Amino acid sequence: MLQEIVKKIGLSRLFYIFILFPSYVFSEVSETYSFSSLQQETQFETILHEMRCLVCQNQSLADSNAPLANDLRRLIYQHLQEGKSAHQIKKYLVSRYGEFISFKPFFSCKNMGLWLSPFILLVISLLWILYVIKRNVL
């Protein structure tokens, strides 16, 4: 059976089919969005790079090919077309999907320890260094 197919199609054509077909099937289909201004396009790109894909987790929405990322890109585009600001869109996404979606989470009481702990550790370290130096000098 395979020999008959090879005879009919030809070995070189069969080779090209097996080489080119997978690349066609797995090629990325990217959506194009039209914007009324360059500022709106810049806002769109900025939001995409600041928001995390919930499926891929370590990729931004701009880099992800997951279906959910495509849906979120369309949603962000729709909100921008409605005239919403970047801050409003980010707040909407965080309220709907949680703070995990943001690569740059907002400063709040819930995450205050995460924001302040580096500074507190720095102050404690400096005080400890001063204490050790002062003790060794005396």
C-alpha atoms as a PDB file:
ATOM      1  CA  MET A   1       0.000   0.000   0.000  1.00  0.00           C
ATOM      2  CA  LEU A   2       2.752   2.443   0.969  1.00  0.00           C
ATOM      3  CA  GLN A   3       4.710   1.567  -2.159  1.00  0.00           C
ATOM      4  CA  GLU A   4       1.683   2.390  -4.328  1.00  0.00           C
ATOM      5  CA  ILE A   5       1.316   5.793  -2.668  1.00  0.00           C
ATOM      6  CA  VAL A   6       5.018   6.530  -3.130  1.00  0.00           C
ATOM      7  CA  LYS A   7       4.797   5.547  -6.818  1.00  0.00           C
ATOM      8  CA  LYS A   8       1.732   7.737  -7.431  1.00  0.00           C
ATOM      9  CA  ILE A   9       2.869  10.828  -5.524  1.00  0.00           C
ATOM     10  CA  GLY A  10       6.603  10.505  -5.852  1.00  0.00           C
ATOM     11  CA  LEU A  11       9.136  10.332  -3.092  1.00  0.00           C
ATOM     12  CA  SER A  12      10.248  13.973  -3.327  1.00  0.00           C
ATOM     13  CA  ARG A  13       6.682  15.290  -3.175  1.00  0.00           C
ATOM     14  CA  LEU A  14       5.943  13.038  -0.218  1.00  0.00           C
ATOM     15  CA  PHE A  15       9.040  14.384   1.514  1.00  0.00           C
ATOM     16  CA  TYR A  16       7.878  17.986   1.003  1.00  0.00           C
ATOM     17  CA  ILE A  17       4.422  17.157   2.311  1.00  0.00           C
ATOM     18  CA  PHE A  18       5.836  15.733   5.540  1.00  0.00           C
ATOM     19  CA  ILE A  19       8.251  18.639   5.978  1.00  0.00           C
ATOM     20  CA  LEU A  20       5.944  21.552   5.122  1.00  0.00           C
ATOM     21  CA  PHE A  21       2.599  20.340   6.434  1.00  0.00           C
ATOM     22  CA  PRO A  22       3.502  20.335  10.161  1.00  0.00           C
ATOM     23  CA  SER A  23       4.920  23.846   9.926  1.00  0.00           C
ATOM     24  CA  TYR A  24       1.688  25.007   8.303  1.00  0.00           C
ATOM     25  CA  VAL A  25      -0.468  23.311  10.935  1.00  0.00           C
ATOM     26  CA  PHE A  26       1.502  24.666  13.875  1.00  0.00           C
ATOM     27  CA  SER A  27       2.112  28.140  12.491  1.00  0.00           C
ATOM     28  CA  GLU A  28       0.984  30.942  14.757  1.00  0.00           C
ATOM     29  CA  VAL A  29      -2.096  32.857  13.780  1.00  0.00           C
ATOM     30  CA  SER A  30      -1.732  36.310  15.235  1.00  0.00           C
ATOM     31  CA  GLU A  31      -4.575  38.738  15.384  1.00  0.00           C
ATOM     32  CA  THR A  32      -4.073  42.260  14.200  1.00  0.00           C
ATOM     33  CA  TYR A  33      -5.682  45.131  16.008  1.00  0.00           C
ATOM     34  CA  SER A  34      -6.260  48.568  14.549  1.00  0.00           C
ATOM     35  CA  PHE A  35      -5.944  51.571  16.823  1.00  0.00           C
ATOM     36  CA  SER A  36      -7.083  55.148  16.412  1.00  0.00           C
ATOM     37  CA  SER A  37      -3.847  56.541  17.848  1.00  0.00           C
ATOM     38  CA  LEU A  38      -0.286  55.548  18.588  1.00  0.00           C
ATOM     39  CA  GLN A  39      -0.908  56.246  22.285  1.00  0.00           C
ATOM     40  CA  GLN A  40      -3.710  53.674  22.365  1.00  0.00           C
ATOM     41  CA  GLU A  41      -1.472  51.081  20.699  1.00  0.00           C
ATOM     42  CA  THR A  42       1.302  51.805  23.209  1.00  0.00           C
ATOM     43  CA  GLN A  43      -1.166  51.399  26.089  1.00  0.00           C
ATOM     44  CA  PHE A  44      -2.307  48.076  24.633  1.00  0.00           C
ATOM     45  CA  GLU A  45       1.258  46.754  24.368  1.00  0.00           C
ATOM     46  CA  THR A  46       2.129  47.995  27.864  1.00  0.00           C
ATOM     47  CA  ILE A  47      -0.884  46.270  29.416  1.00  0.00           C
ATOM     48  CA  LEU A  48      -0.099  43.036  27.569  1.00  0.00           C
ATOM     49  CA  HIS A  49       3.457  43.023  28.916  1.00  0.00           C
ATOM     50  CA  GLU A  50       2.368  43.827  32.493  1.00  0.00           C
ATOM     51  CA  MET A  51      -0.296  41.118  32.719  1.00  0.00           C
ATOM     52  CA  ARG A  52       0.477  37.429  33.192  1.00  0.00           C
ATOM     53  CA  CYS A  53      -1.048  34.588  31.215  1.00  0.00           C
ATOM     54  CA  LEU A  54      -2.979  32.462  33.695  1.00  0.00           C
ATOM     55  CA  VAL A  55      -2.302  29.301  31.689  1.00  0.00           C
ATOM     56  CA  CYS A  56       1.426  29.760  31.001  1.00  0.00           C
ATOM     57  CA  GLN A  57       2.048  31.652  34.273  1.00  0.00           C
ATOM     58  CA  ASN A  58       5.565  32.859  33.492  1.00  0.00           C
ATOM     59  CA  GLN A  59       4.663  34.462  30.187  1.00  0.00           C
ATOM     60  CA  SER A  60       3.020  37.783  29.620  1.00  0.00           C
ATOM     61  CA  LEU A  61      -0.185  38.062  27.625  1.00  0.00           C
ATOM     62  CA  ALA A  62       1.913  39.462  24.783  1.00  0.00           C
ATOM     63  CA  ASP A  63       4.097  36.341  24.628  1.00  0.00           C
ATOM     64  CA  SER A  64       1.524  33.622  25.263  1.00  0.00           C
ATOM     65  CA  ASN A  65      -0.240  31.603  22.567  1.00  0.00           C
ATOM     66  CA  ALA A  66      -2.822  30.092  24.923  1.00  0.00           C
ATOM     67  CA  PRO A  67      -6.494  30.489  23.965  1.00  0.00           C
ATOM     68  CA  LEU A  68      -7.189  32.304  27.247  1.00  0.00           C
ATOM     69  CA  ALA A  69      -4.442  34.812  26.426  1.00  0.00           C
ATOM     70  CA  ASN A  70      -6.082  35.450  23.041  1.00  0.00           C
ATOM     71  CA  ASP A  71      -9.412  36.054  24.787  1.00  0.00           C
ATOM     72  CA  LEU A  72      -7.801  38.432  27.288  1.00  0.00           C
ATOM     73  CA  ARG A  73      -6.052  40.345  24.478  1.00  0.00           C
ATOM     74  CA  ARG A  74      -9.416  40.787  22.745  1.00  0.00           C
ATOM     75  CA  LEU A  75     -10.994  41.894  26.038  1.00  0.00           C
ATOM     76  CA  ILE A  76      -8.240  44.462  26.652  1.00  0.00           C
ATOM     77  CA  TYR A  77      -8.626  45.728  23.083  1.00  0.00           C
ATOM     78  CA  GLN A  78     -12.399  46.115  23.549  1.00  0.00           C
ATOM     79  CA  HIS A  79     -11.923  48.036  26.795  1.00  0.00           C
ATOM     80  CA  LEU A  80      -9.439  50.375  25.111  1.00  0.00           C
ATOM     81  CA  GLN A  81     -11.881  50.950  22.255  1.00  0.00           C
ATOM     82  CA  GLU A  82     -14.524  51.874  24.837  1.00  0.00           C
ATOM     83  CA  GLY A  83     -12.188  54.581  26.111  1.00  0.00           C
ATOM     84  CA  LYS A  84     -11.162  53.014  29.410  1.00  0.00           C
ATOM     85  CA  SER A  85      -7.773  53.905  30.857  1.00  0.00           C
ATOM     86  CA  ALA A  86      -4.967  51.410  31.403  1.00  0.00           C
ATOM     87  CA  HIS A  87      -5.465  51.673  35.164  1.00  0.00           C
ATOM     88  CA  GLN A  88      -9.186  50.860  34.861  1.00  0.00           C
ATOM     89  CA  ILE A  89      -8.444  47.848  32.652  1.00  0.00           C
ATOM     90  CA  LYS A  90      -5.802  46.533  35.061  1.00  0.00           C
ATOM     91  CA  LYS A  91      -8.159  46.967  38.019  1.00  0.00           C
ATOM     92  CA  TYR A  92     -10.877  45.086  36.114  1.00  0.00           C
ATOM     93  CA  LEU A  93      -8.533  42.195  35.303  1.00  0.00           C
ATOM     94  CA  VAL A  94      -7.257  42.019  38.894  1.00  0.00           C
ATOM     95  CA  SER A  95     -10.804  42.084  40.295  1.00  0.00           C
ATOM     96  CA  ARG A  96     -11.849  39.304  37.937  1.00  0.00           C
ATOM     97  CA  TYR A  97      -8.756  37.054  37.981  1.00  0.00           C
ATOM     98  CA  GLY A  98      -6.972  38.032  41.198  1.00  0.00           C
ATOM     99  CA  GLU A  99      -3.672  39.783  41.837  1.00  0.00           C
ATOM    100  CA  PHE A 100      -1.759  36.864  40.360  1.00  0.00           C
ATOM    101  CA  ILE A 101      -2.553  38.116  36.851  1.00  0.00           C
ATOM    102  CA  SER A 102      -0.413  41.210  37.360  1.00  0.00           C
ATOM    103  CA  PHE A 103       3.377  41.074  37.063  1.00  0.00           C
ATOM    104  CA  LYS A 104       3.406  44.371  38.997  1.00  0.00           C
ATOM    105  CA  PRO A 105       0.836  43.995  41.797  1.00  0.00           C
ATOM    106  CA  PHE A 106      -0.764  47.031  43.389  1.00  0.00           C
ATOM    107  CA  PHE A 107       0.413  48.197  46.815  1.00  0.00           C
ATOM    108  CA  SER A 108      -2.225  47.149  49.357  1.00  0.00           C
ATOM    109  CA  CYS A 109      -2.522  46.048  52.975  1.00  0.00           C
ATOM    110  CA  LYS A 110      -2.524  42.398  51.885  1.00  0.00           C
ATOM    111  CA  ASN A 111       0.887  42.606  50.244  1.00  0.00           C
ATOM    112  CA  MET A 112       2.446  45.365  52.353  1.00  0.00           C
ATOM    113  CA  GLY A 113       4.900  42.905  53.928  1.00  0.00           C
ATOM    114  CA  LEU A 114       6.197  41.891  50.516  1.00  0.00           C
ATOM    115  CA  TRP A 115       6.778  45.496  49.497  1.00  0.00           C
ATOM    116  CA  LEU A 116       8.317  46.651  52.775  1.00  0.00           C
ATOM    117  CA  SER A 117      10.364  43.594  53.798  1.00  0.00           C
ATOM    118  CA  PRO A 118      13.416  44.428  51.619  1.00  0.00           C
ATOM    119  CA  PHE A 119      13.665  47.891  53.182  1.00  0.00           C
ATOM    120  CA  ILE A 120      13.159  46.558  56.708  1.00  0.00           C
ATOM    121  CA  LEU A 121      15.862  43.924  56.151  1.00  0.00           C
ATOM    122  CA  LEU A 122      18.199  46.598  54.786  1.00  0.00           C
ATOM    123  CA  VAL A 123      17.700  48.805  57.858  1.00  0.00           C
ATOM    124  CA  ILE A 124      18.188  45.852  60.219  1.00  0.00           C
ATOM    125  CA  SER A 125      21.366  44.832  58.360  1.00  0.00           C
ATOM    126  CA  LEU A 126      22.776  48.359  58.490  1.00  0.00           C
ATOM    127  CA  LEU A 127      22.015  48.638  62.217  1.00  0.00           C
ATOM    128  CA  TRP A 128      23.691  45.283  62.845  1.00  0.00           C
ATOM    129  CA  ILE A 129      26.789  46.332  60.839  1.00  0.00           C
ATOM    130  CA  LEU A 130      26.988  49.603  62.794  1.00  0.00           C
ATOM    131  CA  TYR A 131      26.651  47.680  66.062  1.00  0.00           C
ATOM    132  CA  VAL A 132      29.456  45.265  65.123  1.00  0.00           C
ATOM    133  CA  ILE A 133      31.759  48.078  63.973  1.00  0.00           C
ATOM    134  CA  LYS A 134      31.080  50.135  67.091  1.00  0.00           C
ATOM    135  CA  ARG A 135      31.662  47.133  69.374  1.00  0.00           C
ATOM    136  CA  ASN A 136      34.979  46.263  67.678  1.00  0.00           C
ATOM    137  CA  VAL A 137      36.243  49.854  67.794  1.00  0.00           C
ATOM    138  CA  LEU A 138      35.633  50.170  71.528  1.00  0.00           C
END
